Amino acid sequence: MTPDLRHMAAAAFAVLAFSGSAQAAAQCGASTGEAATGEPIFVGGIHGNAAPGDWTSSTDSAAAYFACVNANGGIHGRPIEYLVENDQWNPEAAAQAAARLVNDTDTVAMVGNGSFIEMAVNAGTYEAADIMVMASACAISECFETPNIVSTNQGPLPSNLGAAQYAQEELGAEHVACMGLNIPNNGIWSCNAVAEFMESRGGQSTPVLINPGAPDVNSALLEALASGADTILINQPAGIALAILSAAQEQDLRDMFNWIAPTPLYDLSVPDQLGSYWHGHVFVNAELAPLNLEGPDALNWVAVLDEYGNEDDPRDTFGQAGYLSARFFVQAMLEMDPADVGDRAKVSEAIRGISGYTSDLMCGPYYVGDADFHMPNHAGYMVQIVEGGFEIVRDCYEYDSPY
């Protein structure tokens, strides 16, 4: 999400969230109300923040939660010192950031990571150092198909499968054109999964790949038209997705297809940007609870940001995921022997032991385990873009996926 989109979404969420009753006080960690004063526990985080986008919301929410934990007893009396690096979407900077955090400090775990560059570059570093990464904004295969990274967000593969499944079951989709980024471990990886899903149900899917460096959305739309598809899956970041829909509107293509998308298009600024032409015609998969659902964790996340975050910290899906990763990490740490919470190997063991953690922000339980693949979030919601926001059209449902 671009900075402008982030701030528009944050402002829209503020109106949505605070139009009702006042928020309760934030609840974090041991909830002692007393500041932690012991020896710090070092925790790392890496995000991407430069052109083409700002993905800091996951580490923003994790930082706010850790600040709240530190004000409420810390981890057995020890505060968390959260060390955050920006990889600037640069592979060399990503490698250097991980080296500083993993090799040059006593960091026990990484929490809230949000960058597809750093995860591709550093997956091997994390495995070699046996440090667990509880990520929050994953978008590539390495984030889900390596042993030391586990995320609270879904990434493109499950979210696209959820959208395709809804279209096949509810909209009568038989042929999906998957408009993905021409990146092997992102668009190609997730569009291939959609093709396998559609074929398993007697349908088909055609990949339509877009160059992320110079996206030609008009050519992509022509390719989708030529494929004979009845459904267009906009497997893109929000900015490119909006450009595709704008180009489709110019050509009046709305009623020729079913229009579906994964989570990146779930942004509170999107309905107004699209306008009435698209209202009621675009269906989006939401990998975490829609922002208007007010469960205990959903409300606490907002309260944490209000009390311990910054005014411009976005209230978006990656922010929810950052909060969840931090909360689950703290829960696992509080269950440990106090003598072991500064020991990386012991902390990695505790994270792998996570099983059955729940939150109203997620449709199913969160678990880790000692495995080569980690994809605990594989159920979600489906929403429809309507005037002024989003309307839930399918509550929590499990995706039909080999994962």
Protein backbone atom coordinates (compact mmCIF):
# COMPACT_ATOMS: atom_id res chain seq x y z
CA MET A 1 0.00 0.00 0.00
CA THR A 2 1.38 3.41 -0.88
CA PRO A 3 1.79 5.99 1.91
CA ASP A 4 -1.20 8.01 0.64
CA LEU A 5 -3.39 4.90 0.61
CA ARG A 6 -2.14 3.99 4.09
CA HIS A 7 -3.09 7.36 5.55
CA MET A 8 -6.47 7.45 3.80
CA ALA A 9 -7.24 3.97 5.11
CA ALA A 10 -6.14 4.92 8.62
CA ALA A 11 -8.39 7.99 8.58
CA ALA A 12 -11.34 6.00 7.24
CA PHE A 13 -10.83 3.32 9.88
CA ALA A 14 -10.73 5.95 12.62
CA VAL A 15 -14.19 7.15 11.58
CA LEU A 16 -15.47 3.57 11.32
CA ALA A 17 -14.00 2.36 14.60
CA PHE A 18 -14.77 5.32 16.79
CA SER A 19 -18.25 6.26 15.66
CA GLY A 20 -19.63 4.10 18.48
CA SER A 21 -18.66 3.70 22.11
CA ALA A 22 -15.32 4.69 23.63
CA GLN A 23 -12.52 2.15 23.45
CA ALA A 24 -11.46 0.13 26.49
CA ALA A 25 -7.90 0.39 27.83
CA ALA A 26 -5.30 -1.71 26.04
CA GLN A 27 -4.61 -5.16 27.53
CA CYS A 28 -1.19 -6.68 26.90
CA GLY A 29 1.00 -9.49 28.20
CA ALA A 30 0.81 -9.98 31.95
CA SER A 31 -1.41 -6.86 32.35
CA THR A 32 0.28 -5.91 35.62
CA GLY A 33 0.12 -2.17 35.07
CA GLU A 34 3.76 -1.94 36.18
CA ALA A 35 6.69 -1.25 33.87
CA ALA A 36 9.25 -3.96 33.27
CA THR A 37 12.69 -3.03 34.59
CA GLY A 38 14.85 -6.12 34.09
CA GLU A 39 17.45 -6.97 31.48
CA PRO A 40 16.10 -6.36 27.95
CA ILE A 41 15.15 -9.19 25.61
CA PHE A 42 16.14 -8.34 22.03
CA VAL A 43 13.61 -9.01 19.27
CA GLY A 44 14.15 -8.04 15.62
CA GLY A 45 11.93 -7.00 12.75
CA ILE A 46 12.48 -6.05 9.09
CA HIS A 47 10.11 -4.17 6.81
CA GLY A 48 10.27 -2.68 3.33
CA ASN A 49 9.71 1.05 3.02
CA ALA A 50 10.72 2.76 -0.23
CA ALA A 51 9.40 2.81 -3.78
CA PRO A 52 7.21 0.95 -4.70
CA GLY A 53 5.52 0.79 -1.29
CA ASP A 54 5.45 1.27 2.47
CA TRP A 55 5.00 -2.00 4.38
CA THR A 56 5.74 -0.67 7.85
CA SER A 57 2.28 -1.25 9.31
CA SER A 58 3.14 -4.77 10.51
CA THR A 59 6.18 -3.64 12.52
CA ASP A 60 4.27 -0.51 13.63
CA SER A 61 1.59 -2.65 15.29
CA ALA A 62 4.13 -5.10 16.72
CA ALA A 63 6.11 -2.18 18.20
CA ALA A 64 2.99 -0.75 19.81
CA TYR A 65 2.09 -4.12 21.31
CA PHE A 66 5.59 -4.62 22.70
CA ALA A 67 5.49 -1.12 24.23
CA CYS A 68 2.22 -2.07 25.89
CA VAL A 69 3.74 -5.34 27.14
CA ASN A 70 6.72 -3.43 28.58
CA ALA A 71 4.30 -1.16 30.46
CA ASN A 72 2.58 -4.25 31.87
CA GLY A 73 5.34 -6.38 33.36
CA GLY A 74 7.24 -7.33 30.20
CA ILE A 75 8.29 -10.96 29.86
CA HIS A 76 8.66 -12.18 33.43
CA GLY A 77 9.77 -8.68 34.40
CA ARG A 78 12.09 -8.16 31.41
CA PRO A 79 11.25 -5.56 28.75
CA ILE A 80 11.34 -6.30 25.02
CA GLU A 81 13.77 -4.15 23.05
CA TYR A 82 12.42 -4.18 19.51
CA LEU A 83 15.08 -3.57 16.85
CA VAL A 84 13.54 -2.71 13.46
CA GLU A 85 15.38 -2.43 10.14
CA ASN A 86 14.23 -1.14 6.73
CA ASP A 87 15.47 -3.16 3.75
CA GLN A 88 14.37 -0.41 1.32
CA TRP A 89 13.26 -3.20 -1.08
CA ASN A 90 16.95 -3.78 -1.77
CA PRO A 91 18.41 -7.32 -1.58
CA GLU A 92 21.81 -6.13 -0.35
CA ALA A 93 20.23 -3.94 2.34
CA ALA A 94 17.98 -6.85 3.33
CA ALA A 95 20.95 -9.18 3.79
CA GLN A 96 22.81 -6.55 5.81
CA ALA A 97 19.77 -5.92 8.02
CA ALA A 98 19.41 -9.60 8.84
CA ALA A 99 23.13 -9.94 9.50
CA ARG A 100 23.03 -7.07 12.00
CA LEU A 101 20.01 -8.44 13.83
CA VAL A 102 20.85 -12.15 13.74
CA ASN A 103 24.64 -12.13 14.00
CA ASP A 104 25.55 -8.87 15.75
CA THR A 105 22.96 -8.84 18.54
CA ASP A 106 21.48 -11.31 21.00
CA THR A 107 18.14 -11.25 19.19
CA VAL A 108 16.06 -14.25 20.25
CA ALA A 109 13.46 -14.07 17.45
CA MET A 110 12.19 -11.94 14.58
CA VAL A 111 8.60 -10.68 14.83
CA GLY A 112 6.37 -8.64 12.53
CA ASN A 113 8.53 -8.87 9.38
CA GLY A 114 6.93 -7.36 6.29
CA SER A 115 8.96 -7.52 3.06
CA PHE A 116 9.04 -10.02 0.21
CA ILE A 117 12.62 -8.97 -0.60
CA GLU A 118 14.09 -9.79 2.80
CA MET A 119 12.35 -13.14 3.11
CA ALA A 120 13.64 -14.29 -0.27
CA VAL A 121 17.17 -13.16 0.60
CA ASN A 122 17.32 -14.19 4.25
CA ALA A 123 15.40 -17.48 4.54
CA GLY A 124 18.69 -19.39 4.51
CA THR A 125 20.24 -17.03 7.08
CA TYR A 126 17.39 -17.66 9.49
CA GLU A 127 17.63 -21.41 9.06
CA ALA A 128 21.41 -21.43 9.54
CA ALA A 129 21.10 -19.37 12.74
CA ASP A 130 18.09 -21.40 13.94
CA ILE A 131 16.14 -18.24 14.66
CA MET A 132 12.37 -18.26 14.16
CA VAL A 133 10.64 -15.46 12.24
CA MET A 134 7.02 -14.77 13.22
CA ALA A 135 6.25 -12.70 10.13
CA SER A 136 3.18 -10.61 9.37
CA ALA A 137 3.32 -9.43 5.75
CA CYS A 138 4.42 -12.36 3.61
CA ALA A 139 3.97 -12.34 -0.16
CA ILE A 140 6.36 -14.95 -1.60
CA SER A 141 6.86 -18.70 -1.52
CA GLU A 142 9.98 -18.59 0.72
CA CYS A 143 7.85 -17.16 3.51
CA PHE A 144 5.69 -20.27 3.59
CA GLU A 145 7.95 -23.00 2.23
CA THR A 146 10.99 -22.69 4.51
CA PRO A 147 11.33 -24.04 8.05
CA ASN A 148 12.11 -20.89 10.07
CA ILE A 149 9.42 -18.46 8.87
CA VAL A 150 5.76 -18.57 9.91
CA SER A 151 3.24 -15.80 9.30
CA THR A 152 -0.10 -14.64 10.61
CA ASN A 153 -1.05 -13.24 7.20
CA GLN A 154 -1.87 -15.56 4.30
CA GLY A 155 0.03 -14.17 1.38
CA PRO A 156 -1.09 -14.43 -2.25
CA LEU A 157 -1.45 -18.19 -2.63
CA PRO A 158 -4.15 -18.91 -0.01
CA SER A 159 -5.94 -15.59 -0.51
CA ASN A 160 -6.14 -16.12 -4.27
CA LEU A 161 -7.36 -19.67 -3.73
CA GLY A 162 -10.04 -18.35 -1.38
CA ALA A 163 -11.19 -15.83 -3.99
CA ALA A 164 -11.18 -18.41 -6.79
CA GLN A 165 -13.08 -20.91 -4.65
CA TYR A 166 -15.78 -18.33 -3.89
CA ALA A 167 -16.08 -17.45 -7.58
CA GLN A 168 -16.33 -21.10 -8.60
CA GLU A 169 -18.92 -21.94 -5.92
CA GLU A 170 -21.00 -18.76 -5.87
CA LEU A 171 -20.46 -16.90 -9.14
CA GLY A 172 -20.34 -19.88 -11.52
CA ALA A 173 -16.75 -19.28 -12.59
CA GLU A 174 -15.42 -21.84 -15.06
CA HIS A 175 -12.35 -20.09 -16.44
CA VAL A 176 -10.26 -17.71 -14.33
CA ALA A 177 -7.70 -15.31 -15.79
CA CYS A 178 -5.16 -14.86 -12.99
CA MET A 179 -3.49 -11.46 -13.43
CA GLY A 180 -0.31 -11.86 -11.39
CA LEU A 181 3.07 -10.20 -11.15
CA ASN A 182 5.71 -11.79 -13.38
CA ILE A 183 7.74 -12.90 -10.35
CA PRO A 184 8.33 -16.67 -9.95
CA ASN A 185 7.90 -16.82 -6.16
CA ASN A 186 4.91 -14.47 -6.13
CA GLY A 187 2.57 -14.16 -9.13
CA ILE A 188 3.62 -17.30 -10.98
CA TRP A 189 3.64 -19.37 -7.78
CA SER A 190 0.15 -18.25 -6.70
CA CYS A 191 -1.42 -18.27 -10.18
CA ASN A 192 -0.18 -21.86 -10.68
CA ALA A 193 -2.00 -22.83 -7.49
CA VAL A 194 -5.22 -21.26 -8.82
CA ALA A 195 -4.81 -23.23 -12.06
CA GLU A 196 -4.43 -26.50 -10.12
CA PHE A 197 -7.51 -25.65 -8.04
CA MET A 198 -9.69 -24.83 -11.04
CA GLU A 199 -8.57 -27.97 -12.89
CA SER A 200 -9.42 -30.06 -9.81
CA ARG A 201 -13.00 -28.80 -10.14
CA GLY A 202 -13.33 -29.25 -13.88
CA GLY A 203 -12.50 -25.66 -14.80
CA GLN A 204 -9.44 -23.90 -16.09
CA SER A 205 -7.25 -20.90 -15.39
CA THR A 206 -5.00 -18.82 -17.62
CA PRO A 207 -2.08 -16.83 -16.15
CA VAL A 208 -1.82 -13.24 -17.33
CA LEU A 209 1.53 -11.95 -16.05
CA ILE A 210 2.39 -8.28 -15.61
CA ASN A 211 5.87 -6.78 -15.41
CA PRO A 212 6.04 -5.09 -11.98
CA GLY A 213 8.63 -2.59 -13.20
CA ALA A 214 6.48 -1.27 -16.06
CA PRO A 215 2.92 -2.60 -15.69
CA ASP A 216 0.96 -2.47 -18.96
CA VAL A 217 -2.57 -3.03 -17.68
CA ASN A 218 -4.28 -2.47 -21.05
CA SER A 219 -2.25 -5.24 -22.70
CA ALA A 220 -3.00 -7.50 -19.74
CA LEU A 221 -6.73 -6.87 -20.09
CA LEU A 222 -6.56 -7.66 -23.81
CA GLU A 223 -4.76 -10.91 -23.00
CA ALA A 224 -7.47 -11.79 -20.45
CA LEU A 225 -10.16 -11.09 -23.06
CA ALA A 226 -8.40 -13.30 -25.61
CA SER A 227 -8.15 -16.19 -23.13
CA GLY A 228 -11.91 -16.68 -23.07
CA ALA A 229 -12.05 -16.37 -19.29
CA ASP A 230 -15.32 -15.55 -17.52
CA THR A 231 -13.60 -14.37 -14.31
CA ILE A 232 -10.70 -12.01 -13.72
CA LEU A 233 -8.65 -12.54 -10.58
CA ILE A 234 -6.64 -9.35 -9.89
CA ASN A 235 -3.66 -10.88 -8.11
CA GLN A 236 -1.89 -7.53 -7.66
CA PRO A 237 -0.90 -4.90 -5.09
CA ALA A 238 -3.63 -2.30 -4.53
CA GLY A 239 -2.08 0.35 -6.78
CA ILE A 240 -1.86 -1.88 -9.87
CA ALA A 241 -5.25 -3.44 -9.08
CA LEU A 242 -6.86 0.01 -9.10
CA ALA A 243 -5.16 0.80 -12.43
CA ILE A 244 -6.55 -2.43 -13.92
CA LEU A 245 -10.07 -1.61 -12.77
CA SER A 246 -9.76 1.94 -14.08
CA ALA A 247 -8.66 0.67 -17.50
CA ALA A 248 -11.50 -1.89 -17.49
CA GLN A 249 -13.99 0.88 -16.73
CA GLU A 250 -12.71 2.95 -19.66
CA GLN A 251 -13.42 -0.05 -21.90
CA ASP A 252 -16.73 -0.80 -20.11
CA LEU A 253 -15.69 -4.39 -19.35
CA ARG A 254 -17.43 -4.68 -15.99
CA ASP A 255 -20.31 -6.94 -17.04
CA MET A 256 -18.18 -9.22 -19.20
CA PHE A 257 -16.49 -10.89 -16.20
CA ASN A 258 -16.74 -11.82 -12.58
CA TRP A 259 -14.19 -9.59 -10.79
CA ILE A 260 -12.38 -11.06 -7.79
CA ALA A 261 -9.23 -10.20 -5.85
CA PRO A 262 -7.11 -11.30 -2.87
CA THR A 263 -6.58 -9.23 0.28
CA PRO A 264 -4.51 -6.29 -1.09
CA LEU A 265 -7.69 -4.73 -2.50
CA TYR A 266 -9.27 -4.84 0.97
CA ASP A 267 -8.42 -1.23 1.75
CA LEU A 268 -10.95 1.20 3.21
CA SER A 269 -10.02 3.89 0.72
CA VAL A 270 -10.76 1.64 -2.30
CA PRO A 271 -14.59 1.86 -2.54
CA ASP A 272 -14.60 5.64 -2.88
CA GLN A 273 -11.67 5.58 -5.30
CA LEU A 274 -13.46 3.10 -7.56
CA GLY A 275 -16.78 4.92 -7.51
CA SER A 276 -20.30 3.73 -8.19
CA TYR A 277 -19.42 1.97 -11.47
CA TRP A 278 -17.78 -0.87 -9.54
CA HIS A 279 -19.94 -0.97 -6.41
CA GLY A 280 -21.49 -4.43 -6.07
CA HIS A 281 -19.30 -5.92 -8.80
CA VAL A 282 -15.93 -6.67 -7.14
CA PHE A 283 -15.44 -9.47 -4.58
CA VAL A 284 -12.36 -9.49 -2.35
CA ASN A 285 -10.92 -12.18 -0.09
CA ALA A 286 -10.09 -10.92 3.42
CA GLU A 287 -7.43 -13.06 5.09
CA LEU A 288 -8.08 -11.59 8.55
CA ALA A 289 -11.26 -10.29 10.18
CA PRO A 290 -12.89 -7.40 8.29
CA LEU A 291 -12.16 -4.12 10.01
CA ASN A 292 -15.76 -3.49 11.05
CA LEU A 293 -15.95 -6.66 13.19
CA GLU A 294 -15.45 -5.76 16.83
CA GLY A 295 -14.18 -8.87 18.60
CA PRO A 296 -11.95 -8.62 21.69
CA ASP A 297 -8.65 -8.75 19.79
CA ALA A 298 -9.90 -6.44 17.05
CA LEU A 299 -10.79 -3.81 19.63
CA ASN A 300 -7.62 -4.36 21.65
CA TRP A 301 -5.45 -3.88 18.55
CA VAL A 302 -7.04 -0.46 18.05
CA ALA A 303 -6.65 0.39 21.74
CA VAL A 304 -2.97 -0.63 21.65
CA LEU A 305 -2.29 1.59 18.62
CA ASP A 306 -4.17 4.49 20.20
CA GLU A 307 -2.29 4.27 23.49
CA TYR A 308 1.16 3.08 22.43
CA GLY A 309 1.44 3.68 18.69
CA ASN A 310 1.71 6.73 16.48
CA GLU A 311 -1.24 8.66 15.11
CA ASP A 312 -0.44 7.73 11.51
CA ASP A 313 0.13 4.00 12.14
CA PRO A 314 -2.21 2.37 9.60
CA ARG A 315 -5.17 0.30 10.70
CA ASP A 316 -4.95 -2.28 7.93
CA THR A 317 -4.63 -6.04 7.43
CA PHE A 318 -0.85 -6.04 7.79
CA GLY A 319 -1.30 -4.04 11.02
CA GLN A 320 -3.69 -6.68 12.33
CA ALA A 321 -1.15 -9.36 11.40
CA GLY A 322 1.69 -7.51 13.13
CA TYR A 323 -0.36 -7.24 16.30
CA LEU A 324 -1.21 -10.95 16.14
CA SER A 325 2.40 -12.05 15.59
CA ALA A 326 3.51 -9.96 18.56
CA ARG A 327 0.68 -11.19 20.77
CA PHE A 328 1.28 -14.85 19.94
CA PHE A 329 5.03 -14.40 20.47
CA VAL A 330 4.46 -12.85 23.90
CA GLN A 331 2.01 -15.60 24.82
CA ALA A 332 4.63 -18.25 23.99
CA MET A 333 7.33 -16.36 25.91
CA LEU A 334 5.16 -16.02 29.03
CA GLU A 335 4.63 -19.79 28.98
CA MET A 336 8.42 -20.39 29.10
CA ASP A 337 10.64 -20.87 32.10
CA PRO A 338 11.80 -17.31 33.01
CA ALA A 339 15.41 -18.54 32.96
CA ASP A 340 15.13 -19.44 29.25
CA VAL A 341 13.54 -16.33 27.67
CA GLY A 342 16.89 -14.83 26.65
CA ASP A 343 18.13 -18.04 25.01
CA ARG A 344 17.58 -18.07 21.23
CA ALA A 345 17.51 -21.86 20.96
CA LYS A 346 14.98 -22.16 23.78
CA VAL A 347 12.82 -19.40 22.28
CA SER A 348 12.91 -21.09 18.86
CA GLU A 349 11.81 -24.31 20.54
CA ALA A 350 8.95 -22.51 22.29
CA ILE A 351 7.75 -20.93 19.03
CA ARG A 352 7.80 -24.29 17.27
CA GLY A 353 5.70 -25.60 20.16
CA ILE A 354 2.86 -23.13 19.52
CA SER A 355 -0.38 -24.96 18.87
CA GLY A 356 -4.00 -23.93 19.10
CA TYR A 357 -3.60 -20.21 19.75
CA THR A 358 -6.81 -18.42 18.77
CA SER A 359 -8.00 -14.90 18.04
CA ASP A 360 -11.17 -13.31 16.67
CA LEU A 361 -8.90 -11.74 14.03
CA MET A 362 -8.24 -15.20 12.51
CA CYS A 363 -10.76 -17.76 11.27
CA GLY A 364 -8.84 -20.75 12.62
CA PRO A 365 -6.21 -21.72 15.18
CA TYR A 366 -2.59 -20.62 14.86
CA TYR A 367 0.09 -23.29 15.09
CA VAL A 368 3.74 -23.68 14.12
CA GLY A 369 5.39 -27.07 14.66
CA ASP A 370 8.75 -28.40 13.50
CA ALA A 371 8.06 -28.51 9.76
CA ASP A 372 9.47 -27.49 6.40
CA PHE A 373 6.28 -25.59 5.46
CA HIS A 374 4.28 -23.17 7.63
CA MET A 375 0.90 -21.86 6.49
CA PRO A 376 -1.38 -21.72 9.54
CA ASN A 377 -3.74 -19.07 8.12
CA HIS A 378 -5.75 -20.77 5.36
CA ALA A 379 -9.34 -19.68 6.01
CA GLY A 380 -10.93 -16.28 5.62
CA TYR A 381 -13.86 -14.10 4.64
CA MET A 382 -15.22 -12.89 1.32
CA VAL A 383 -16.40 -9.29 1.04
CA GLN A 384 -18.04 -7.24 -1.70
CA ILE A 385 -17.10 -3.65 -2.51
CA VAL A 386 -20.17 -1.48 -1.96
CA GLU A 387 -20.82 2.23 -1.58
CA GLY A 388 -18.92 3.48 1.45
CA GLY A 389 -17.10 0.25 2.27
CA PHE A 390 -17.29 -3.53 2.16
CA GLU A 391 -20.09 -5.99 2.84
CA ILE A 392 -19.37 -9.52 4.08
CA VAL A 393 -20.82 -12.05 1.62
CA ARG A 394 -19.26 -15.18 3.15
CA ASP A 395 -18.16 -15.65 6.74
CA CYS A 396 -15.12 -17.74 7.70
CA TYR A 397 -14.56 -20.60 5.29
CA GLU A 398 -11.71 -23.04 4.77
CA TYR A 399 -9.95 -22.98 1.40
CA ASP A 400 -9.69 -26.12 -0.69
CA SER A 401 -5.91 -26.33 -0.83
CA PRO A 402 -3.16 -28.96 -0.55
CA TYR A 403 -1.61 -26.72 2.11
